Amino acid sequence: MEVKSNSKFIIAKRDPLKSRDINTGIIEYYIILKKNDSLIGPLTRRAFDEVIKKIEINLKKTKKDLTICRAFF
């Protein structure tokens, strides 16, 4: 799982496990809007790109403001 966040939102990207040591290979994306604690996802990459455009999250502009953390479960 990879997580990025700033003061307005949290973005998570994950590859779910099929079994204990095997990932599915199907990447899921999630967006949490902090202002109202709403969750959008799971999303495909295409749907994720559409949503960030629609709700005006500019990843390039906010990239330096994002905190990146990797967690393995």
Protein backbone atom coordinates (compact mmCIF):
# COMPACT_ATOMS: atom_id res chain seq x y z
CA MET A 1 0.00 0.00 0.00
CA GLU A 2 1.20 3.48 -0.83
CA VAL A 3 -0.40 6.50 0.83
CA LYS A 4 -0.06 10.19 0.01
CA SER A 5 -1.72 13.00 1.91
CA ASN A 6 -1.89 16.70 2.48
CA SER A 7 -4.23 18.94 4.50
CA LYS A 8 -7.20 18.34 2.16
CA PHE A 9 -7.11 14.68 1.13
CA ILE A 10 -5.54 11.25 1.46
CA ILE A 11 -4.83 9.08 -1.57
CA ALA A 12 -4.16 5.37 -1.19
CA LYS A 13 -2.97 2.91 -3.81
CA ARG A 14 -2.96 -0.81 -3.10
CA ASP A 15 -2.54 -4.20 -4.67
CA PRO A 16 -4.75 -6.51 -2.59
CA LEU A 17 -3.54 -9.93 -1.53
CA LYS A 18 -4.89 -13.06 -3.18
CA SER A 19 -3.35 -15.19 -0.48
CA ARG A 20 -0.78 -14.60 2.24
CA ASP A 21 2.18 -13.87 -0.08
CA ILE A 22 0.55 -13.34 -3.51
CA ASN A 23 -0.87 -10.04 -4.75
CA THR A 24 -3.74 -9.88 -7.22
CA GLY A 25 -1.94 -7.53 -9.61
CA ILE A 26 -5.11 -5.41 -9.80
CA ILE A 27 -4.28 -1.95 -8.44
CA GLU A 28 -7.01 -0.13 -6.50
CA TYR A 29 -7.08 3.59 -5.74
CA TYR A 30 -8.91 5.37 -2.91
CA ILE A 31 -9.45 9.06 -2.15
CA ILE A 32 -10.47 10.30 1.29
CA LEU A 33 -11.71 13.87 1.45
CA LYS A 34 -10.75 15.19 4.88
CA LYS A 35 -13.33 17.99 5.03
CA ASN A 36 -16.20 15.50 5.34
CA ASP A 37 -14.41 12.15 5.84
CA SER A 38 -15.88 10.76 2.64
CA LEU A 39 -14.32 7.81 0.85
CA ILE A 40 -14.20 7.41 -2.92
CA GLY A 41 -13.10 3.97 -4.07
CA PRO A 42 -12.00 1.42 -4.85
CA LEU A 43 -11.23 2.90 -8.26
CA THR A 44 -9.41 1.67 -11.35
CA ARG A 45 -6.62 3.91 -12.65
CA ARG A 46 -8.92 5.29 -15.35
CA ALA A 47 -11.70 6.07 -12.86
CA PHE A 48 -9.13 7.55 -10.43
CA ASP A 49 -7.83 9.90 -13.13
CA GLU A 50 -11.40 10.99 -13.94
CA VAL A 51 -12.28 11.64 -10.28
CA ILE A 52 -9.16 13.68 -9.48
CA LYS A 53 -9.87 15.80 -12.54
CA LYS A 54 -13.54 16.23 -11.56
CA ILE A 55 -12.84 17.21 -7.95
CA GLU A 56 -9.81 19.25 -9.03
CA ILE A 57 -6.99 17.47 -7.26
CA ASN A 58 -3.83 18.54 -9.06
CA LEU A 59 -1.27 15.89 -8.16
CA LYS A 60 1.57 17.68 -9.97
CA LYS A 61 0.92 20.93 -8.13
CA THR A 62 0.57 19.29 -4.71
CA LYS A 63 3.30 16.68 -5.17
CA LYS A 64 5.83 18.49 -3.00
CA ASP A 65 3.18 18.96 -0.28
CA LEU A 66 2.34 15.26 -0.12
CA THR A 67 3.65 12.94 2.52
CA ILE A 68 4.44 9.48 1.16
CA CYS A 69 4.37 6.40 3.31
CA ARG A 70 4.59 2.76 2.33
CA ALA A 71 2.97 0.10 4.45
CA PHE A 72 3.03 -3.61 3.87
CA PHE A 73 0.38 -5.81 5.41
